[in-house]
Amino acid sequence: MLVNDLLAKRHQLGGFLERAYIRAVMSDEFNNLLFGFREHLKVKNYSPMSIASYSGHLKGLFDYLQQKEIVDIKRVTRDNLKDYQLKITEYKDQEGKAYTIATISIKIRAVKRFFEYLEETNQILVNPAEYLKEPEKETRLPRVVLTEDEVRKILDQPNLSSMTGIRDRTILEVFYSTGIRLEEMVNLTIFDCDLQGGMLRVNKGKFAKDRVIPLGRHAIRFLKEYITRVRPHHTRENKAIRNLFVNQSGKPLSKIVIEIIVRNYARATGIKKKITPHTFRHTFATQLVRNGADITAVQKMLGHSDLSVTHIYIKVAGIEVKETHRSHHPREKDKAPKEEITPDIQSIKGSYKDSDE
């Protein structure tokens, strides 16, 4: 049933039947749009997780449009979307809990991507979501960051006399050396490791972004050992498998399995922290910043699209801004005797005595 058919027939119905008819037709219409949107994201190499997330969050928009009896997607206005954003911002469940800033952000991002798709495919002439803005992100510091000593303890846990131990040590080394996400680790293939050049290619990272990250010498050493000795043994019955990390049967390791591997080795150390694969990412970034790495370089390695997200690691690392200024500003390196540049503090205080600033 086309939208125009609905608009032509709705006057023939009344009351409950009309509303039910509208909901049914709108549901079909939105399902068709959603199917096209999902296929569009697949072509753009979005990860299955991102596609599922966007699809799920769009349901709220479709429910809102049904309530407003907006049948034709072309009739959605900027004011409609602003009203929708206000509703999800003010939403509270039965227990009085509101959506987090992160949840609201991804709901709005899903709406923006959806209308961008409609505009790109000429299904709408004007994009009503063009000026829709995500809320300011919460600056949340990582809850757990490991010390160098704690990292060493975890890395030392796998039994290197066993093939499984070598594989697990390699996984831990790659997490610590590159700071990649768990899903990115799962998606690594045998072709992503440039051991001679010391680089790792990350395909289909968050928001479908690819990037290349340097590999540390310890990670390279264990990758060589794993790729030449362990992996061929595990994949002898399934040599066509492309995934880098596999189990003893040659099947790809899942996210859950890798998470369990990390958790078990962390627990074996007796460290009283909740350690996950993402803990290595936080630790990787924090230690780089603490040791003087350029923040934009760290941003590229982490795959952050927004530099402000990477800036949280400056706070975590405890970088002293005043000391950084003193050490790097050219005027602070002036060799003039101190007495020649020491200001009269009391005179300055007196001149600003009545100033609000």
Protein backbone atom coordinates (compact mmCIF):
# COMPACT_ATOMS: atom_id res chain seq x y z
CA MET A 1 0.00 0.00 0.00
CA LEU A 2 1.45 3.35 -1.02
CA VAL A 3 1.35 6.45 1.15
CA ASN A 4 -0.79 8.24 -1.42
CA ASP A 5 -3.33 5.40 -1.28
CA LEU A 6 -3.59 5.90 2.47
CA LEU A 7 -4.10 9.61 2.15
CA ALA A 8 -6.83 9.01 -0.41
CA LYS A 9 -8.70 6.39 1.64
CA ARG A 10 -8.34 7.59 5.21
CA HIS A 11 -11.45 9.80 4.94
CA GLN A 12 -13.53 6.65 4.32
CA LEU A 13 -12.68 5.34 7.78
CA GLY A 14 -13.35 6.74 11.20
CA GLY A 15 -12.27 6.56 14.81
CA PHE A 16 -10.43 3.45 15.91
CA LEU A 17 -10.41 1.82 12.46
CA GLU A 18 -8.81 4.88 10.90
CA ARG A 19 -6.05 4.98 13.51
CA ALA A 20 -5.40 1.25 13.19
CA TYR A 21 -5.28 1.56 9.41
CA ILE A 22 -2.83 4.44 9.64
CA ARG A 23 -0.56 2.52 12.01
CA ALA A 24 -0.53 -0.55 9.76
CA VAL A 25 0.33 1.35 6.60
CA MET A 26 2.90 3.53 8.35
CA SER A 27 4.53 0.43 9.82
CA ASP A 28 4.95 -1.06 6.34
CA GLU A 29 6.26 2.23 4.99
CA PHE A 30 8.82 2.67 7.76
CA ASN A 31 9.91 -0.97 7.55
CA ASN A 32 10.66 -0.48 3.86
CA LEU A 33 12.63 2.69 4.60
CA LEU A 34 14.51 0.95 7.39
CA PHE A 35 15.41 -1.98 5.14
CA GLY A 36 16.84 0.39 2.55
CA PHE A 37 18.76 2.28 5.24
CA ARG A 38 20.30 -0.93 6.60
CA GLU A 39 21.41 -1.98 3.12
CA HIS A 40 22.89 1.48 2.59
CA LEU A 41 24.96 1.16 5.78
CA LYS A 42 26.20 -2.28 4.71
CA VAL A 43 27.46 -0.82 1.43
CA LYS A 44 29.24 1.90 3.44
CA ASN A 45 30.99 -0.83 5.50
CA TYR A 46 29.32 -0.05 8.80
CA SER A 47 29.78 -2.84 11.32
CA PRO A 48 26.82 -5.15 12.05
CA MET A 49 26.76 -3.75 15.60
CA SER A 50 26.46 -0.15 14.35
CA ILE A 51 23.73 -1.11 11.88
CA ALA A 52 21.75 -2.91 14.57
CA SER A 53 22.22 0.04 16.95
CA TYR A 54 21.01 2.64 14.45
CA SER A 55 18.05 0.48 13.45
CA GLY A 56 17.00 -0.05 17.04
CA HIS A 57 17.23 3.62 17.95
CA LEU A 58 15.20 4.67 14.90
CA LYS A 59 12.19 2.77 16.25
CA GLY A 60 11.63 5.60 18.72
CA LEU A 61 11.48 8.12 15.88
CA PHE A 62 9.02 5.98 13.93
CA ASP A 63 6.81 5.60 17.01
CA TYR A 64 6.85 9.37 17.44
CA LEU A 65 5.89 9.96 13.80
CA GLN A 66 3.04 7.46 14.12
CA GLN A 67 1.72 9.31 17.15
CA LYS A 68 1.81 12.52 15.12
CA GLU A 69 0.17 10.69 12.19
CA ILE A 70 2.97 11.82 9.89
CA VAL A 71 2.63 9.21 7.18
CA ASP A 72 4.86 10.59 4.45
CA ILE A 73 8.54 10.85 5.43
CA LYS A 74 8.81 13.87 3.09
CA ARG A 75 6.51 15.79 5.45
CA VAL A 76 8.84 15.52 8.45
CA THR A 77 9.98 19.02 9.40
CA ARG A 78 12.84 20.45 11.40
CA ASP A 79 10.36 21.36 14.15
CA ASN A 80 9.15 17.75 14.30
CA LEU A 81 12.69 16.55 14.92
CA LYS A 82 13.38 19.25 17.50
CA ASP A 83 10.23 18.17 19.32
CA TYR A 84 11.35 14.53 19.12
CA GLN A 85 14.75 15.46 20.56
CA LEU A 86 13.04 17.31 23.41
CA LYS A 87 10.88 14.27 24.18
CA ILE A 88 13.81 11.85 24.41
CA THR A 89 15.75 14.40 26.48
CA GLU A 90 12.89 14.69 28.97
CA TYR A 91 11.96 11.00 28.89
CA LYS A 92 11.83 9.03 32.14
CA ASP A 93 10.89 5.38 32.59
CA GLN A 94 8.61 3.95 35.29
CA GLU A 95 11.45 4.11 37.80
CA GLY A 96 12.12 7.74 36.98
CA LYS A 97 15.37 7.05 35.12
CA ALA A 98 16.23 9.27 32.17
CA TYR A 99 18.33 8.46 29.12
CA THR A 100 22.05 9.09 29.52
CA ILE A 101 23.78 11.72 27.40
CA ALA A 102 25.45 8.89 25.46
CA THR A 103 22.10 7.24 24.67
CA ILE A 104 20.53 10.52 23.56
CA SER A 105 23.57 11.20 21.38
CA ILE A 106 23.34 7.91 19.52
CA LYS A 107 19.57 8.28 19.08
CA ILE A 108 20.12 11.69 17.47
CA ARG A 109 23.04 10.36 15.43
CA ALA A 110 20.81 7.56 14.11
CA VAL A 111 18.21 10.15 13.03
CA LYS A 112 20.86 12.26 11.30
CA ARG A 113 22.34 9.28 9.43
CA PHE A 114 18.85 8.13 8.40
CA PHE A 115 17.88 11.46 6.87
CA GLU A 116 21.30 11.80 5.25
CA TYR A 117 20.57 8.47 3.55
CA LEU A 118 17.15 9.69 2.41
CA GLU A 119 18.73 12.84 0.97
CA GLU A 120 21.55 10.94 -0.76
CA THR A 121 19.05 8.57 -2.38
CA ASN A 122 16.77 11.46 -3.47
CA GLN A 123 13.86 10.31 -1.32
CA ILE A 124 13.66 13.78 0.23
CA LEU A 125 14.60 17.17 -1.20
CA VAL A 126 15.47 18.92 2.08
CA ASN A 127 17.15 17.26 5.05
CA PRO A 128 15.22 18.31 8.20
CA ALA A 129 17.91 16.77 10.43
CA GLU A 130 20.78 18.79 8.95
CA TYR A 131 21.02 21.19 11.90
CA LEU A 132 20.07 18.69 14.58
CA LYS A 133 22.86 18.63 17.19
CA GLU A 134 23.92 15.91 19.55
CA PRO A 135 24.07 16.95 23.22
CA GLU A 136 27.43 17.81 24.75
CA LYS A 137 29.16 14.62 25.76
CA GLU A 138 29.82 13.78 29.37
CA THR A 139 33.49 13.92 30.25
CA ARG A 140 33.85 10.61 32.01
CA LEU A 141 37.28 9.50 33.06
CA PRO A 142 38.17 5.82 32.61
CA ARG A 143 37.38 3.95 35.81
CA VAL A 144 40.33 1.58 35.59
CA VAL A 145 43.83 2.26 34.31
CA LEU A 146 46.66 -0.19 34.93
CA THR A 147 50.16 0.62 36.10
CA GLU A 148 53.11 -0.67 34.09
CA ASP A 149 53.80 -3.22 36.82
CA GLU A 150 50.20 -4.48 36.69
CA VAL A 151 50.38 -4.82 32.91
CA ARG A 152 53.56 -6.89 33.19
CA LYS A 153 51.93 -9.18 35.73
CA ILE A 154 49.03 -9.86 33.38
CA LEU A 155 51.29 -10.36 30.36
CA ASP A 156 53.34 -12.91 32.32
CA GLN A 157 50.33 -15.13 33.11
CA PRO A 158 49.93 -17.23 29.91
CA ASN A 159 51.91 -20.49 29.80
CA LEU A 160 54.33 -20.01 26.91
CA SER A 161 55.11 -23.72 26.75
CA SER A 162 51.63 -24.30 25.28
CA MET A 163 50.18 -23.16 21.96
CA THR A 164 47.14 -21.71 23.70
CA GLY A 165 49.42 -19.75 26.00
CA ILE A 166 51.36 -18.27 23.08
CA ARG A 167 48.11 -17.28 21.39
CA ASP A 168 46.75 -15.68 24.54
CA ARG A 169 50.00 -13.80 25.22
CA THR A 170 49.86 -12.51 21.65
CA ILE A 171 46.32 -11.23 22.17
CA LEU A 172 47.35 -9.43 25.36
CA GLU A 173 50.44 -7.93 23.70
CA VAL A 174 48.40 -6.64 20.75
CA PHE A 175 45.80 -5.08 23.05
CA TYR A 176 48.50 -3.30 25.04
CA SER A 177 50.63 -2.32 22.04
CA THR A 178 47.84 -0.88 19.89
CA GLY A 179 44.92 0.06 22.16
CA ILE A 180 42.42 -1.43 19.72
CA ARG A 181 38.83 -2.19 20.72
CA LEU A 182 37.56 -5.70 21.42
CA GLU A 183 35.43 -5.79 18.27
CA GLU A 184 38.41 -4.61 16.22
CA MET A 185 40.51 -7.43 17.66
CA VAL A 186 37.86 -9.98 16.66
CA ASN A 187 37.75 -8.58 13.10
CA LEU A 188 41.52 -8.77 12.51
CA THR A 189 42.57 -11.01 9.64
CA ILE A 190 45.86 -12.68 8.80
CA PHE A 191 46.38 -10.03 6.12
CA ASP A 192 46.18 -7.10 8.54
CA CYS A 193 49.60 -7.68 10.11
CA ASP A 194 52.57 -6.03 8.42
CA LEU A 195 55.24 -7.50 10.66
CA GLN A 196 58.10 -6.32 8.49
CA GLY A 197 56.83 -2.75 8.54
CA GLY A 198 55.65 -3.03 12.14
CA MET A 199 52.09 -1.89 11.42
CA LEU A 200 48.61 -3.23 12.09
CA ARG A 201 45.64 -2.40 9.88
CA VAL A 202 42.29 -2.07 11.64
CA ASN A 203 39.36 -2.68 9.31
CA LYS A 204 35.81 -1.56 10.02
CA GLY A 205 36.62 0.23 13.24
CA LYS A 206 33.98 2.20 15.11
CA PHE A 207 31.75 4.15 12.68
CA ALA A 208 33.25 2.03 9.85
CA LYS A 209 36.60 3.82 9.97
CA ASP A 210 39.79 2.04 8.93
CA ARG A 211 43.19 3.02 10.32
CA VAL A 212 46.78 1.84 10.65
CA ILE A 213 48.52 1.56 14.03
CA PRO A 214 52.20 0.94 14.84
CA LEU A 215 53.07 -2.37 16.50
CA GLY A 216 55.57 -2.49 19.36
CA ARG A 217 58.53 -4.87 19.16
CA HIS A 218 57.12 -7.23 21.80
CA ALA A 219 53.81 -7.50 19.95
CA ILE A 220 55.68 -8.14 16.68
CA ARG A 221 57.76 -10.89 18.30
CA PHE A 222 54.73 -12.74 19.64
CA LEU A 223 52.73 -12.24 16.44
CA LYS A 224 55.56 -13.84 14.46
CA GLU A 225 55.63 -16.78 16.85
CA TYR A 226 51.85 -17.17 16.79
CA ILE A 227 51.45 -16.78 13.01
CA THR A 228 54.31 -19.12 12.08
CA ARG A 229 53.95 -21.80 14.77
CA VAL A 230 50.56 -21.79 16.46
CA ARG A 231 47.97 -20.61 13.97
CA PRO A 232 48.98 -23.04 11.15
CA HIS A 233 48.54 -25.92 13.60
CA HIS A 234 45.07 -24.74 14.63
CA THR A 235 43.92 -24.10 11.03
CA ARG A 236 45.31 -27.27 9.44
CA GLU A 237 41.75 -28.52 8.82
CA ASN A 238 40.47 -25.12 7.75
CA LYS A 239 43.22 -23.32 5.87
CA ALA A 240 40.82 -20.91 4.17
CA ILE A 241 39.99 -19.15 7.45
CA ARG A 242 41.09 -15.50 7.37
CA ASN A 243 40.59 -14.48 11.00
CA LEU A 244 43.83 -13.82 12.84
CA PHE A 245 42.91 -15.31 16.20
CA VAL A 246 41.33 -18.77 16.20
CA ASN A 247 40.63 -21.58 18.65
CA GLN A 248 42.13 -25.07 18.54
CA SER A 249 39.55 -26.12 15.95
CA GLY A 250 40.47 -23.25 13.66
CA LYS A 251 37.28 -21.29 14.31
CA PRO A 252 37.42 -17.51 14.93
CA LEU A 253 37.51 -16.41 18.56
CA SER A 254 34.36 -14.55 19.58
CA LYS A 255 34.22 -11.34 21.60
CA ILE A 256 32.97 -13.25 24.62
CA VAL A 257 35.85 -15.74 24.47
CA ILE A 258 38.50 -13.02 24.19
CA GLU A 259 36.89 -11.11 27.05
CA ILE A 260 37.00 -14.26 29.21
CA ILE A 261 40.67 -14.81 28.30
CA VAL A 262 41.59 -11.31 29.46
CA ARG A 263 39.47 -11.52 32.60
CA ASN A 264 40.87 -14.90 33.68
CA TYR A 265 44.51 -13.84 33.33
CA ALA A 266 43.79 -10.59 35.17
CA ARG A 267 42.14 -12.46 38.04
CA ALA A 268 45.09 -14.83 38.27
CA THR A 269 47.36 -11.90 39.16
CA GLY A 270 45.30 -11.00 42.23
CA ILE A 271 44.93 -7.40 41.04
CA LYS A 272 41.85 -5.92 42.73
CA LYS A 273 40.54 -4.10 39.68
CA LYS A 274 37.77 -4.91 37.21
CA ILE A 275 39.87 -5.52 34.10
CA THR A 276 38.42 -5.91 30.60
CA PRO A 277 39.92 -5.66 27.10
CA HIS A 278 38.95 -1.97 27.12
CA THR A 279 41.13 -1.47 30.20
CA PHE A 280 44.15 -2.08 27.97
CA ARG A 281 42.88 0.63 25.61
CA HIS A 282 42.61 3.15 28.45
CA THR A 283 46.02 2.11 29.77
CA PHE A 284 47.61 2.33 26.31
CA ALA A 285 46.38 5.90 25.79
CA THR A 286 47.09 7.09 29.32
CA GLN A 287 50.66 5.83 29.32
CA LEU A 288 51.37 7.32 25.90
CA VAL A 289 50.13 10.75 27.00
CA ARG A 290 51.94 10.49 30.32
CA ASN A 291 55.19 9.79 28.47
CA GLY A 292 54.82 12.86 26.25
CA ALA A 293 53.06 11.54 23.14
CA ASP A 294 51.39 14.11 20.90
CA ILE A 295 47.66 14.09 21.62
CA THR A 296 46.68 14.19 17.93
CA ALA A 297 48.87 11.15 17.25
CA VAL A 298 47.13 9.32 20.10
CA GLN A 299 43.78 10.38 18.62
CA LYS A 300 44.69 8.78 15.28
CA MET A 301 45.86 5.56 16.90
CA LEU A 302 42.67 5.29 18.96
CA GLY A 303 40.48 6.08 15.96
CA HIS A 304 38.68 8.96 17.69
CA SER A 305 36.85 11.32 15.35
CA ASP A 306 36.64 13.99 18.07
CA LEU A 307 39.84 15.21 19.72
CA SER A 308 37.91 16.18 22.86
CA VAL A 309 37.32 12.47 23.53
CA THR A 310 41.08 11.84 23.47
CA HIS A 311 41.68 14.79 25.81
CA ILE A 312 40.27 12.83 28.76
CA TYR A 313 43.57 10.96 28.87
CA ILE A 314 45.39 14.20 29.67
CA LYS A 315 43.33 14.35 32.88
CA VAL A 316 43.83 10.67 33.61
CA ALA A 317 47.57 10.97 33.10
CA GLY A 318 47.71 13.84 35.58
CA ILE A 319 49.62 16.07 33.20
CA GLU A 320 50.50 19.31 34.98
CA VAL A 321 49.57 22.09 32.57
CA LYS A 322 51.64 24.69 34.40
CA GLU A 323 54.75 22.52 34.18
CA THR A 324 54.12 21.87 30.48
CA HIS A 325 53.87 25.63 29.87
CA ARG A 326 57.02 26.32 31.87
CA SER A 327 58.98 23.66 30.02
CA HIS A 328 57.88 24.45 26.48
CA HIS A 329 56.96 28.14 26.15
CA PRO A 330 59.84 30.11 24.55
CA ARG A 331 59.50 33.04 26.95
CA GLU A 332 59.98 30.69 29.88
CA LYS A 333 63.38 29.81 28.45
CA ASP A 334 64.53 33.44 28.62
CA LYS A 335 68.06 33.49 30.06
CA ALA A 336 67.73 36.96 31.62
CA PRO A 337 68.58 37.15 35.35
CA LYS A 338 65.55 36.56 37.56
CA GLU A 339 65.81 39.94 39.27
CA GLU A 340 65.37 41.71 35.92
CA ILE A 341 62.03 40.04 35.19
CA THR A 342 60.56 39.72 38.68
CA PRO A 343 57.39 41.87 38.83
CA ASP A 344 56.33 43.98 41.80
CA ILE A 345 53.40 41.84 42.96
CA GLN A 346 52.18 44.34 45.58
CA SER A 347 51.97 47.15 43.02
CA ILE A 348 50.02 44.94 40.65
CA LYS A 349 47.61 43.91 43.40
CA GLY A 350 47.06 47.56 44.33
CA SER A 351 46.27 48.63 40.80
CA TYR A 352 43.59 45.91 40.49
CA LYS A 353 42.19 46.34 43.98
CA ASP A 354 38.81 47.60 42.81
CA SER A 355 38.62 45.49 39.69
CA ASP A 356 36.11 42.65 39.33
CA GLU A 357 38.54 40.84 37.09
